[in-house]
Amino acid sequence: MIKRARMISPLVAILIVLLMFSGCGSNDNDVKDNSDSEPAVTVIDDSAVLAKVGEDEITSKLLREFMVISAHYAGKKIDDYSKDQLEELRANVLESAVTNVVIRQHLESLGVEGMSQEVVASAENVAARIYKDEGLLKLVEDGEVSKDTFAEYVAFAQYRSWFYTNTMEALNLTQEILREYYEKNPDSFMRTYVDISHIMVANVDEAALVFEELEKGEDFASLADKYSKDIATRGEGGRLGPIGKNEIWPELEEAAFSMEIGEVRGPIRSMYGQSILLLHDRFQELLSFDVVEEYIIDIFVAEAANEKIKELRKGTSIPYL
């Protein structure tokens, strides 16, 4: 059995906050202009009870304000959603709220005194992340989310954290189990790299001059040394070297990972200027076990937690009103 101090990982901690209302986000391209359409929100009395979990009630007010929070984490406002999208959001948030109450009731039945210091610490860590979310705090300040609902949201996030950490402790994972998973699923731990060079110029006119010289047969590295504004790579022929995802500016990453070997593409605009890219090579590398061990633990925890949630929901009376 693995016996080491381990708070719930940052990955799971973030997911607890962002995925409390799983499946709630919508595609930016699906956002609809509702200015000339009927209102997407059906007005319901705030005190109306929408579902009961045992003796606990989920009211219209709680659901509506949880929907506002969910939209916030999707980078949107409630008004950004069409009527159909809002109904989908409402259904997903309601189901997640029900699950949150089921988890809370389960943990309360176990008793807080049964929680380890590690479990409590992980919950405090999740709460601290929420209190650093200035956008969410602004919703409370503006009255879009009441203080009571915000407190309930933080409590639910903490209960989720306790639940996941408790699940992890109960799994009794060993190094042998983790290594076996790693060895049986190598494709899950392959990382793709691209070996690229770039020439960064100030504007599209300068980029056009570079392309003219490339078409004449000039060497890419020589042109990078001559024209590039990136002083870090200019003396290296513009070589950025092998890079993985999330290691360069998003605009360049999107282009670099979609190019063919030997292709020159550009100009591509970033916050620093216009770049011309040359892809030298693309390859994959198996990440070491030490690098992905925490991630593998999270996989086991998530699967076990989901199974436990299904079991708890089946054993709980949940009438929808």
C-alpha atoms as a PDB file:
ATOM      1  CA  MET A   1       0.000   0.000   0.000  1.00  0.00           C
ATOM      2  CA  ILE A   2       1.200   3.509  -0.794  1.00  0.00           C
ATOM      3  CA  LYS A   3       1.905   5.255   2.504  1.00  0.00           C
ATOM      4  CA  ARG A   4       2.809   8.852   1.831  1.00  0.00           C
ATOM      5  CA  ALA A   5       1.355  12.242   2.609  1.00  0.00           C
ATOM      6  CA  ARG A   6      -0.648  13.214  -0.420  1.00  0.00           C
ATOM      7  CA  MET A   7      -3.326  15.839  -0.535  1.00  0.00           C
ATOM      8  CA  ILE A   8      -5.752  15.546  -3.399  1.00  0.00           C
ATOM      9  CA  SER A   9      -3.884  16.508  -6.552  1.00  0.00           C
ATOM     10  CA  PRO A  10      -4.231  19.956  -8.177  1.00  0.00           C
ATOM     11  CA  LEU A  11      -5.861  18.269 -11.167  1.00  0.00           C
ATOM     12  CA  VAL A  12      -8.629  16.712  -9.099  1.00  0.00           C
ATOM     13  CA  ALA A  13      -8.955  19.833  -6.926  1.00  0.00           C
ATOM     14  CA  ILE A  14      -9.558  21.971  -9.992  1.00  0.00           C
ATOM     15  CA  LEU A  15     -11.991  19.440 -11.452  1.00  0.00           C
ATOM     16  CA  ILE A  16     -13.969  19.442  -8.206  1.00  0.00           C
ATOM     17  CA  VAL A  17     -14.539  23.157  -8.638  1.00  0.00           C
ATOM     18  CA  LEU A  18     -15.029  23.260 -12.412  1.00  0.00           C
ATOM     19  CA  LEU A  19     -16.947  20.021 -12.861  1.00  0.00           C
ATOM     20  CA  MET A  20     -19.339  20.256  -9.934  1.00  0.00           C
ATOM     21  CA  PHE A  21     -21.845  20.988 -12.662  1.00  0.00           C
ATOM     22  CA  SER A  22     -20.504  18.500 -15.200  1.00  0.00           C
ATOM     23  CA  GLY A  23     -21.600  18.851 -18.789  1.00  0.00           C
ATOM     24  CA  CYS A  24     -22.846  22.370 -18.234  1.00  0.00           C
ATOM     25  CA  GLY A  25     -20.659  24.250 -20.661  1.00  0.00           C
ATOM     26  CA  SER A  26     -21.746  24.936 -24.200  1.00  0.00           C
ATOM     27  CA  ASN A  27     -19.776  25.557 -27.356  1.00  0.00           C
ATOM     28  CA  ASP A  28     -18.923  29.193 -27.964  1.00  0.00           C
ATOM     29  CA  ASN A  29     -20.103  28.780 -31.546  1.00  0.00           C
ATOM     30  CA  ASP A  30     -23.562  27.800 -30.325  1.00  0.00           C
ATOM     31  CA  VAL A  31     -24.192  31.031 -28.445  1.00  0.00           C
ATOM     32  CA  LYS A  32     -27.398  32.578 -29.678  1.00  0.00           C
ATOM     33  CA  ASP A  33     -28.512  36.192 -29.809  1.00  0.00           C
ATOM     34  CA  ASN A  34     -31.709  36.258 -27.773  1.00  0.00           C
ATOM     35  CA  SER A  35     -32.391  39.975 -28.193  1.00  0.00           C
ATOM     36  CA  ASP A  36     -35.370  39.420 -30.494  1.00  0.00           C
ATOM     37  CA  SER A  37     -36.573  36.075 -29.176  1.00  0.00           C
ATOM     38  CA  GLU A  38     -38.776  35.069 -26.289  1.00  0.00           C
ATOM     39  CA  PRO A  39     -37.166  35.082 -22.816  1.00  0.00           C
ATOM     40  CA  ALA A  40     -35.160  31.936 -22.202  1.00  0.00           C
ATOM     41  CA  VAL A  41     -35.895  31.906 -18.476  1.00  0.00           C
ATOM     42  CA  THR A  42     -39.183  30.710 -17.087  1.00  0.00           C
ATOM     43  CA  VAL A  43     -39.938  32.615 -13.908  1.00  0.00           C
ATOM     44  CA  ILE A  44     -40.531  30.278 -10.972  1.00  0.00           C
ATOM     45  CA  ASP A  45     -41.061  31.184  -7.334  1.00  0.00           C
ATOM     46  CA  ASP A  46     -37.654  31.187  -5.597  1.00  0.00           C
ATOM     47  CA  SER A  47     -39.007  28.997  -2.804  1.00  0.00           C
ATOM     48  CA  ALA A  48     -40.381  26.350  -5.155  1.00  0.00           C
ATOM     49  CA  VAL A  49     -38.916  22.921  -4.409  1.00  0.00           C
ATOM     50  CA  LEU A  50     -37.599  21.184  -7.538  1.00  0.00           C
ATOM     51  CA  ALA A  51     -36.205  18.022  -5.986  1.00  0.00           C
ATOM     52  CA  LYS A  52     -35.850  16.339  -2.615  1.00  0.00           C
ATOM     53  CA  VAL A  53     -32.942  14.186  -1.515  1.00  0.00           C
ATOM     54  CA  GLY A  54     -34.080  12.490   1.624  1.00  0.00           C
ATOM     55  CA  GLU A  55     -35.141  15.422   3.777  1.00  0.00           C
ATOM     56  CA  ASP A  56     -33.031  17.984   1.914  1.00  0.00           C
ATOM     57  CA  GLU A  57     -34.665  20.245  -0.658  1.00  0.00           C
ATOM     58  CA  ILE A  58     -33.265  21.860  -3.792  1.00  0.00           C
ATOM     59  CA  THR A  59     -35.121  25.104  -4.428  1.00  0.00           C
ATOM     60  CA  SER A  60     -35.595  27.148  -7.559  1.00  0.00           C
ATOM     61  CA  LYS A  61     -33.427  29.941  -6.112  1.00  0.00           C
ATOM     62  CA  LEU A  62     -30.534  27.608  -5.345  1.00  0.00           C
ATOM     63  CA  LEU A  63     -30.701  26.036  -8.797  1.00  0.00           C
ATOM     64  CA  ARG A  64     -30.931  29.391 -10.599  1.00  0.00           C
ATOM     65  CA  GLU A  65     -27.904  30.798  -8.794  1.00  0.00           C
ATOM     66  CA  PHE A  66     -25.927  27.586  -9.272  1.00  0.00           C
ATOM     67  CA  MET A  67     -26.674  27.986 -12.977  1.00  0.00           C
ATOM     68  CA  VAL A  68     -25.152  31.477 -12.833  1.00  0.00           C
ATOM     69  CA  ILE A  69     -22.024  29.999 -11.231  1.00  0.00           C
ATOM     70  CA  SER A  70     -21.881  27.243 -13.831  1.00  0.00           C
ATOM     71  CA  ALA A  71     -22.159  29.781 -16.656  1.00  0.00           C
ATOM     72  CA  HIS A  72     -19.336  31.742 -15.020  1.00  0.00           C
ATOM     73  CA  TYR A  73     -17.038  28.715 -15.153  1.00  0.00           C
ATOM     74  CA  ALA A  74     -17.949  28.280 -18.818  1.00  0.00           C
ATOM     75  CA  GLY A  75     -16.882  31.896 -19.400  1.00  0.00           C
ATOM     76  CA  LYS A  76     -20.440  33.059 -20.054  1.00  0.00           C
ATOM     77  CA  LYS A  77     -23.450  34.875 -18.660  1.00  0.00           C
ATOM     78  CA  ILE A  78     -26.887  33.305 -18.407  1.00  0.00           C
ATOM     79  CA  ASP A  79     -28.103  35.671 -21.134  1.00  0.00           C
ATOM     80  CA  ASP A  80     -25.584  34.101 -23.543  1.00  0.00           C
ATOM     81  CA  TYR A  81     -27.574  30.874 -23.639  1.00  0.00           C
ATOM     82  CA  SER A  82     -30.443  30.117 -26.014  1.00  0.00           C
ATOM     83  CA  LYS A  83     -33.623  28.640 -24.611  1.00  0.00           C
ATOM     84  CA  ASP A  84     -32.584  25.066 -25.510  1.00  0.00           C
ATOM     85  CA  GLN A  85     -29.092  25.554 -24.101  1.00  0.00           C
ATOM     86  CA  LEU A  86     -30.545  26.975 -20.906  1.00  0.00           C
ATOM     87  CA  GLU A  87     -32.814  23.964 -20.471  1.00  0.00           C
ATOM     88  CA  GLU A  88     -29.828  21.661 -20.915  1.00  0.00           C
ATOM     89  CA  LEU A  89     -27.832  23.704 -18.421  1.00  0.00           C
ATOM     90  CA  ARG A  90     -30.698  23.593 -15.963  1.00  0.00           C
ATOM     91  CA  ALA A  91     -31.033  19.801 -16.232  1.00  0.00           C
ATOM     92  CA  ASN A  92     -27.293  19.240 -15.778  1.00  0.00           C
ATOM     93  CA  VAL A  93     -26.995  21.602 -12.825  1.00  0.00           C
ATOM     94  CA  LEU A  94     -30.010  20.044 -11.130  1.00  0.00           C
ATOM     95  CA  GLU A  95     -28.534  16.551 -11.473  1.00  0.00           C
ATOM     96  CA  SER A  96     -25.199  17.751 -10.139  1.00  0.00           C
ATOM     97  CA  ALA A  97     -26.880  19.508  -7.211  1.00  0.00           C
ATOM     98  CA  VAL A  98     -28.695  16.278  -6.374  1.00  0.00           C
ATOM     99  CA  THR A  99     -25.393  14.388  -6.475  1.00  0.00           C
ATOM    100  CA  ASN A 100     -23.786  17.002  -4.228  1.00  0.00           C
ATOM    101  CA  VAL A 101     -26.511  16.519  -1.615  1.00  0.00           C
ATOM    102  CA  VAL A 102     -26.168  12.727  -1.837  1.00  0.00           C
ATOM    103  CA  ILE A 103     -22.426  13.033  -1.231  1.00  0.00           C
ATOM    104  CA  ARG A 104     -22.955  15.393   1.701  1.00  0.00           C
ATOM    105  CA  GLN A 105     -25.484  13.086   3.331  1.00  0.00           C
ATOM    106  CA  HIS A 106     -23.146  10.119   2.874  1.00  0.00           C
ATOM    107  CA  LEU A 107     -20.207  11.911   4.490  1.00  0.00           C
ATOM    108  CA  GLU A 108     -22.346  13.241   7.332  1.00  0.00           C
ATOM    109  CA  SER A 109     -23.429   9.676   8.032  1.00  0.00           C
ATOM    110  CA  LEU A 110     -19.761   8.720   8.381  1.00  0.00           C
ATOM    111  CA  GLY A 111     -19.126  11.569  10.816  1.00  0.00           C
ATOM    112  CA  VAL A 112     -16.603  14.367  10.534  1.00  0.00           C
ATOM    113  CA  GLU A 113     -14.614  12.853  13.373  1.00  0.00           C
ATOM    114  CA  GLY A 114     -13.824   9.984  11.022  1.00  0.00           C
ATOM    115  CA  MET A 115     -12.095  12.271   8.536  1.00  0.00           C
ATOM    116  CA  SER A 116      -8.319  12.305   8.469  1.00  0.00           C
ATOM    117  CA  GLN A 117      -6.291  15.499   8.633  1.00  0.00           C
ATOM    118  CA  GLU A 118      -5.424  14.971   4.982  1.00  0.00           C
ATOM    119  CA  VAL A 119      -9.107  14.947   4.026  1.00  0.00           C
ATOM    120  CA  VAL A 120      -9.756  18.187   5.916  1.00  0.00           C
ATOM    121  CA  ALA A 121      -6.674  19.838   4.425  1.00  0.00           C
ATOM    122  CA  SER A 122      -7.721  18.959   0.877  1.00  0.00           C
ATOM    123  CA  ALA A 123     -11.139  20.539   1.455  1.00  0.00           C
ATOM    124  CA  GLU A 124      -9.560  23.711   2.788  1.00  0.00           C
ATOM    125  CA  ASN A 125      -7.353  23.845  -0.300  1.00  0.00           C
ATOM    126  CA  VAL A 126     -10.391  23.665  -2.605  1.00  0.00           C
ATOM    127  CA  ALA A 127     -12.178  26.409  -0.660  1.00  0.00           C
ATOM    128  CA  ALA A 128      -9.104  28.625  -0.913  1.00  0.00           C
ATOM    129  CA  ARG A 129      -9.158  28.255  -4.720  1.00  0.00           C
ATOM    130  CA  ILE A 130     -12.783  29.371  -4.861  1.00  0.00           C
ATOM    131  CA  TYR A 131     -12.152  32.418  -2.668  1.00  0.00           C
ATOM    132  CA  LYS A 132      -9.431  33.511  -5.103  1.00  0.00           C
ATOM    133  CA  ASP A 133     -11.909  33.582  -8.002  1.00  0.00           C
ATOM    134  CA  GLU A 134     -12.487  37.323  -8.392  1.00  0.00           C
ATOM    135  CA  GLY A 135     -15.145  36.808 -11.069  1.00  0.00           C
ATOM    136  CA  LEU A 136     -17.207  34.593  -8.787  1.00  0.00           C
ATOM    137  CA  LEU A 137     -16.825  37.002  -5.877  1.00  0.00           C
ATOM    138  CA  LYS A 138     -18.029  39.797  -8.185  1.00  0.00           C
ATOM    139  CA  LEU A 139     -21.226  37.824  -8.875  1.00  0.00           C
ATOM    140  CA  VAL A 140     -21.852  37.761  -5.133  1.00  0.00           C
ATOM    141  CA  GLU A 141     -21.036  41.451  -4.801  1.00  0.00           C
ATOM    142  CA  ASP A 142     -23.447  42.303  -7.638  1.00  0.00           C
ATOM    143  CA  GLY A 143     -26.214  40.214  -6.113  1.00  0.00           C
ATOM    144  CA  GLU A 144     -26.405  37.658  -8.934  1.00  0.00           C
ATOM    145  CA  VAL A 145     -25.434  34.982  -6.425  1.00  0.00           C
ATOM    146  CA  SER A 146     -26.556  35.325  -2.814  1.00  0.00           C
ATOM    147  CA  LYS A 147     -24.136  34.896   0.053  1.00  0.00           C
ATOM    148  CA  ASP A 148     -26.116  31.866   1.203  1.00  0.00           C
ATOM    149  CA  THR A 149     -25.846  30.190  -2.206  1.00  0.00           C
ATOM    150  CA  PHE A 150     -22.146  31.021  -2.407  1.00  0.00           C
ATOM    151  CA  ALA A 151     -21.606  29.452   1.030  1.00  0.00           C
ATOM    152  CA  GLU A 152     -23.563  26.399  -0.121  1.00  0.00           C
ATOM    153  CA  TYR A 153     -21.434  26.181  -3.256  1.00  0.00           C
ATOM    154  CA  VAL A 154     -18.200  26.313  -1.237  1.00  0.00           C
ATOM    155  CA  ALA A 155     -19.566  23.673   1.147  1.00  0.00           C
ATOM    156  CA  PHE A 156     -20.507  21.389  -1.751  1.00  0.00           C
ATOM    157  CA  ALA A 157     -17.018  21.785  -3.244  1.00  0.00           C
ATOM    158  CA  GLN A 158     -15.486  20.866   0.100  1.00  0.00           C
ATOM    159  CA  TYR A 159     -17.724  17.826   0.479  1.00  0.00           C
ATOM    160  CA  ARG A 160     -16.703  16.721  -3.018  1.00  0.00           C
ATOM    161  CA  SER A 161     -13.076  17.115  -1.993  1.00  0.00           C
ATOM    162  CA  TRP A 162     -13.619  15.084   1.175  1.00  0.00           C
ATOM    163  CA  PHE A 163     -15.402  12.442  -0.858  1.00  0.00           C
ATOM    164  CA  TYR A 164     -12.626  12.122  -3.453  1.00  0.00           C
ATOM    165  CA  THR A 165      -9.873  12.075  -0.835  1.00  0.00           C
ATOM    166  CA  ASN A 166     -11.765   9.510   1.237  1.00  0.00           C
ATOM    167  CA  THR A 167     -12.172   7.402  -1.893  1.00  0.00           C
ATOM    168  CA  MET A 168      -8.444   7.619  -2.581  1.00  0.00           C
ATOM    169  CA  GLU A 169      -7.574   6.504   0.945  1.00  0.00           C
ATOM    170  CA  ALA A 170      -9.938   3.523   0.697  1.00  0.00           C
ATOM    171  CA  LEU A 171      -8.439   2.258  -2.571  1.00  0.00           C
ATOM    172  CA  ASN A 172      -5.198   1.037  -0.970  1.00  0.00           C
ATOM    173  CA  LEU A 173      -3.308   1.604  -4.204  1.00  0.00           C
ATOM    174  CA  THR A 174       0.123   0.035  -4.428  1.00  0.00           C
ATOM    175  CA  GLN A 175       3.076   0.782  -6.658  1.00  0.00           C
ATOM    176  CA  GLU A 176       2.475  -2.569  -8.341  1.00  0.00           C
ATOM    177  CA  ILE A 177      -1.108  -1.630  -9.259  1.00  0.00           C
ATOM    178  CA  LEU A 178      -0.065   1.750 -10.605  1.00  0.00           C
ATOM    179  CA  ARG A 179       2.851   0.382 -12.619  1.00  0.00           C
ATOM    180  CA  GLU A 180       0.697  -2.364 -14.072  1.00  0.00           C
ATOM    181  CA  TYR A 181      -1.786   0.255 -15.317  1.00  0.00           C
ATOM    182  CA  TYR A 182       1.070   2.305 -16.757  1.00  0.00           C
ATOM    183  CA  GLU A 183       2.527  -0.672 -18.616  1.00  0.00           C
ATOM    184  CA  LYS A 184      -0.848  -1.805 -19.994  1.00  0.00           C
ATOM    185  CA  ASN A 185      -1.838   1.655 -21.256  1.00  0.00           C
ATOM    186  CA  PRO A 186       1.267   3.124 -22.932  1.00  0.00           C
ATOM    187  CA  ASP A 187      -0.773   5.075 -25.503  1.00  0.00           C
ATOM    188  CA  SER A 188      -2.312   7.112 -22.691  1.00  0.00           C
ATOM    189  CA  PHE A 189       1.096   8.408 -21.672  1.00  0.00           C
ATOM    190  CA  MET A 190       2.598   9.308 -25.023  1.00  0.00           C
ATOM    191  CA  ARG A 191       3.409  12.978 -25.522  1.00  0.00           C
ATOM    192  CA  THR A 192       3.733  14.519 -28.962  1.00  0.00           C
ATOM    193  CA  TYR A 193       6.529  16.997 -29.664  1.00  0.00           C
ATOM    194  CA  VAL A 194       7.200  19.241 -32.639  1.00  0.00           C
ATOM    195  CA  ASP A 195      10.663  20.469 -33.604  1.00  0.00           C
ATOM    196  CA  ILE A 196      10.171  23.940 -35.083  1.00  0.00           C
ATOM    197  CA  SER A 197      11.949  27.160 -35.987  1.00  0.00           C
ATOM    198  CA  HIS A 198      10.388  30.561 -36.434  1.00  0.00           C
ATOM    199  CA  ILE A 199      11.159  33.986 -37.784  1.00  0.00           C
ATOM    200  CA  MET A 200       9.316  36.680 -35.853  1.00  0.00           C
ATOM    201  CA  VAL A 201       8.821  40.033 -37.561  1.00  0.00           C
ATOM    202  CA  ALA A 202       6.902  43.169 -36.694  1.00  0.00           C
ATOM    203  CA  ASN A 203       4.209  43.108 -39.369  1.00  0.00           C
ATOM    204  CA  VAL A 204       2.861  41.349 -42.472  1.00  0.00           C
ATOM    205  CA  ASP A 205       4.926  43.537 -44.807  1.00  0.00           C
ATOM    206  CA  GLU A 206       8.158  42.297 -43.225  1.00  0.00           C
ATOM    207  CA  ALA A 207       6.787  38.755 -43.378  1.00  0.00           C
ATOM    208  CA  ALA A 208       6.190  39.186 -47.106  1.00  0.00           C
ATOM    209  CA  LEU A 209       9.843  40.157 -47.584  1.00  0.00           C
ATOM    210  CA  VAL A 210      10.938  36.998 -45.776  1.00  0.00           C
ATOM    211  CA  PHE A 211       8.688  34.845 -47.961  1.00  0.00           C
ATOM    212  CA  GLU A 212      10.123  36.482 -51.087  1.00  0.00           C
ATOM    213  CA  GLU A 213      13.629  35.457 -50.045  1.00  0.00           C
ATOM    214  CA  LEU A 214      12.478  31.953 -49.106  1.00  0.00           C
ATOM    215  CA  GLU A 215      10.981  31.562 -52.562  1.00  0.00           C
ATOM    216  CA  LYS A 216      14.349  32.542 -54.030  1.00  0.00           C
ATOM    217  CA  GLY A 217      15.920  29.629 -52.165  1.00  0.00           C
ATOM    218  CA  GLU A 218      17.401  31.458 -49.192  1.00  0.00           C
ATOM    219  CA  ASP A 219      18.062  29.325 -46.106  1.00  0.00           C
ATOM    220  CA  PHE A 220      15.431  29.623 -43.339  1.00  0.00           C
ATOM    221  CA  ALA A 221      18.044  29.714 -40.556  1.00  0.00           C
ATOM    222  CA  SER A 222      20.001  32.470 -42.292  1.00  0.00           C
ATOM    223  CA  LEU A 223      16.848  34.541 -42.709  1.00  0.00           C
ATOM    224  CA  ALA A 224      15.996  34.031 -39.045  1.00  0.00           C
ATOM    225  CA  ASP A 225      19.419  35.349 -38.070  1.00  0.00           C
ATOM    226  CA  LYS A 226      18.890  38.289 -40.419  1.00  0.00           C
ATOM    227  CA  TYR A 227      15.268  39.292 -39.772  1.00  0.00           C
ATOM    228  CA  SER A 228      13.889  37.733 -36.577  1.00  0.00           C
ATOM    229  CA  LYS A 229      12.989  40.034 -33.685  1.00  0.00           C
ATOM    230  CA  ASP A 230      13.141  37.121 -31.234  1.00  0.00           C
ATOM    231  CA  ILE A 231      16.545  37.693 -29.705  1.00  0.00           C
ATOM    232  CA  ALA A 232      16.380  34.382 -27.801  1.00  0.00           C
ATOM    233  CA  THR A 233      16.333  32.311 -30.995  1.00  0.00           C
ATOM    234  CA  ARG A 234      17.738  34.674 -33.625  1.00  0.00           C
ATOM    235  CA  GLY A 235      21.312  33.492 -33.160  1.00  0.00           C
ATOM    236  CA  GLU A 236      20.153  29.861 -33.309  1.00  0.00           C
ATOM    237  CA  GLY A 237      18.569  30.111 -36.738  1.00  0.00           C
ATOM    238  CA  GLY A 238      15.168  30.684 -35.128  1.00  0.00           C
ATOM    239  CA  ARG A 239      15.189  27.228 -33.546  1.00  0.00           C
ATOM    240  CA  LEU A 240      12.592  26.856 -30.819  1.00  0.00           C
ATOM    241  CA  GLY A 241      13.548  23.205 -30.460  1.00  0.00           C
ATOM    242  CA  PRO A 242      11.321  20.258 -29.632  1.00  0.00           C
ATOM    243  CA  ILE A 243       8.280  21.541 -27.754  1.00  0.00           C
ATOM    244  CA  GLY A 244       5.160  19.933 -26.343  1.00  0.00           C
ATOM    245  CA  LYS A 245       1.665  21.246 -25.824  1.00  0.00           C
ATOM    246  CA  ASN A 246       1.254  24.355 -23.647  1.00  0.00           C
ATOM    247  CA  GLU A 247       4.887  25.403 -24.081  1.00  0.00           C
ATOM    248  CA  ILE A 248       4.515  28.208 -26.649  1.00  0.00           C
ATOM    249  CA  TRP A 249       1.967  30.870 -27.509  1.00  0.00           C
ATOM    250  CA  PRO A 250      -1.418  29.294 -28.334  1.00  0.00           C
ATOM    251  CA  GLU A 251      -1.531  30.725 -31.865  1.00  0.00           C
ATOM    252  CA  LEU A 252       1.833  29.200 -32.752  1.00  0.00           C
ATOM    253  CA  GLU A 253       1.027  25.913 -31.025  1.00  0.00           C
ATOM    254  CA  GLU A 254      -2.182  25.450 -33.029  1.00  0.00           C
ATOM    255  CA  ALA A 255      -0.303  25.979 -36.272  1.00  0.00           C
ATOM    256  CA  ALA A 256       2.786  23.960 -35.367  1.00  0.00           C
ATOM    257  CA  PHE A 257       0.858  20.843 -34.357  1.00  0.00           C
ATOM    258  CA  SER A 258      -1.166  20.868 -37.590  1.00  0.00           C
ATOM    259  CA  MET A 259       1.761  21.306 -40.023  1.00  0.00           C
ATOM    260  CA  GLU A 260       3.439  18.753 -42.253  1.00  0.00           C
ATOM    261  CA  ILE A 261       7.151  18.063 -41.811  1.00  0.00           C
ATOM    262  CA  GLY A 262       9.133  20.496 -43.956  1.00  0.00           C
ATOM    263  CA  GLU A 263       6.192  22.893 -44.289  1.00  0.00           C
ATOM    264  CA  VAL A 264       6.657  26.651 -43.916  1.00  0.00           C
ATOM    265  CA  ARG A 265       3.584  28.527 -42.696  1.00  0.00           C
ATOM    266  CA  GLY A 266       2.746  32.099 -41.834  1.00  0.00           C
ATOM    267  CA  PRO A 267       2.554  34.822 -40.990  1.00  0.00           C
ATOM    268  CA  ILE A 268       0.870  33.822 -37.733  1.00  0.00           C
ATOM    269  CA  ARG A 269      -0.023  36.630 -35.393  1.00  0.00           C
ATOM    270  CA  SER A 270       0.743  36.466 -31.686  1.00  0.00           C
ATOM    271  CA  MET A 271       0.950  39.119 -28.992  1.00  0.00           C
ATOM    272  CA  TYR A 272       4.617  39.629 -29.881  1.00  0.00           C
ATOM    273  CA  GLY A 273       4.375  40.049 -33.649  1.00  0.00           C
ATOM    274  CA  GLN A 274       4.060  37.971 -36.824  1.00  0.00           C
ATOM    275  CA  SER A 275       5.787  34.581 -37.017  1.00  0.00           C
ATOM    276  CA  ILE A 276       6.782  32.353 -39.905  1.00  0.00           C
ATOM    277  CA  LEU A 277       7.140  28.708 -38.890  1.00  0.00           C
ATOM    278  CA  LEU A 278       9.186  25.819 -40.244  1.00  0.00           C
ATOM    279  CA  LEU A 279       8.401  22.320 -38.986  1.00  0.00           C
ATOM    280  CA  HIS A 280      11.518  20.128 -38.871  1.00  0.00           C
ATOM    281  CA  ASP A 281      10.075  17.021 -37.238  1.00  0.00           C
ATOM    282  CA  ARG A 282       7.270  15.551 -35.172  1.00  0.00           C
ATOM    283  CA  PHE A 283       7.705  12.661 -32.746  1.00  0.00           C
ATOM    284  CA  GLN A 284       6.213  11.010 -29.695  1.00  0.00           C
ATOM    285  CA  GLU A 285       7.827  10.120 -26.402  1.00  0.00           C
ATOM    286  CA  LEU A 286       6.556   7.898 -23.616  1.00  0.00           C
ATOM    287  CA  LEU A 287       6.381   9.885 -20.381  1.00  0.00           C
ATOM    288  CA  SER A 288       8.142   8.216 -17.481  1.00  0.00           C
ATOM    289  CA  PHE A 289       6.171   6.529 -14.710  1.00  0.00           C
ATOM    290  CA  ASP A 290       7.387   9.091 -12.172  1.00  0.00           C
ATOM    291  CA  VAL A 291       5.928  11.901 -14.271  1.00  0.00           C
ATOM    292  CA  VAL A 292       2.465  10.338 -14.640  1.00  0.00           C
ATOM    293  CA  GLU A 293       2.101   8.487 -11.328  1.00  0.00           C
ATOM    294  CA  GLU A 294      -0.108  11.160  -9.741  1.00  0.00           C
ATOM    295  CA  TYR A 295      -2.262  11.266 -12.872  1.00  0.00           C
ATOM    296  CA  ILE A 296      -2.758   7.483 -12.742  1.00  0.00           C
ATOM    297  CA  ILE A 297      -3.857   7.744  -9.113  1.00  0.00           C
ATOM    298  CA  ASP A 298      -6.397  10.376 -10.163  1.00  0.00           C
ATOM    299  CA  ILE A 299      -7.766   8.006 -12.819  1.00  0.00           C
ATOM    300  CA  PHE A 300      -8.365   5.286 -10.220  1.00  0.00           C
ATOM    301  CA  VAL A 301      -9.912   7.769  -7.785  1.00  0.00           C
ATOM    302  CA  ALA A 302     -12.270   9.255 -10.375  1.00  0.00           C
ATOM    303  CA  GLU A 303     -13.486   5.828 -11.520  1.00  0.00           C
ATOM    304  CA  ALA A 304     -14.053   4.603  -7.967  1.00  0.00           C
ATOM    305  CA  ALA A 305     -15.764   7.842  -6.942  1.00  0.00           C
ATOM    306  CA  ASN A 306     -18.140   7.692  -9.911  1.00  0.00           C
ATOM    307  CA  GLU A 307     -19.100   4.113  -9.091  1.00  0.00           C
ATOM    308  CA  LYS A 308     -19.710   5.055  -5.458  1.00  0.00           C
ATOM    309  CA  ILE A 309     -21.878   8.012  -6.506  1.00  0.00           C
ATOM    310  CA  LYS A 310     -24.035   5.709  -8.682  1.00  0.00           C
ATOM    311  CA  GLU A 311     -24.409   3.341  -5.737  1.00  0.00           C
ATOM    312  CA  LEU A 312     -25.371   6.140  -3.340  1.00  0.00           C
ATOM    313  CA  ARG A 313     -27.910   7.625  -5.729  1.00  0.00           C
ATOM    314  CA  LYS A 314     -29.570   4.253  -6.250  1.00  0.00           C
ATOM    315  CA  GLY A 315     -29.950   3.902  -2.502  1.00  0.00           C
ATOM    316  CA  THR A 316     -31.452   7.349  -1.958  1.00  0.00           C
ATOM    317  CA  SER A 317     -35.037   8.503  -2.445  1.00  0.00           C
ATOM    318  CA  ILE A 318     -34.890  11.401  -4.950  1.00  0.00           C
ATOM    319  CA  PRO A 319     -38.352  12.598  -6.003  1.00  0.00           C
ATOM    320  CA  TYR A 320     -38.410  15.395  -8.597  1.00  0.00           C
ATOM    321  CA  LEU A 321     -41.254  17.815  -7.980  1.00  0.00           C
END
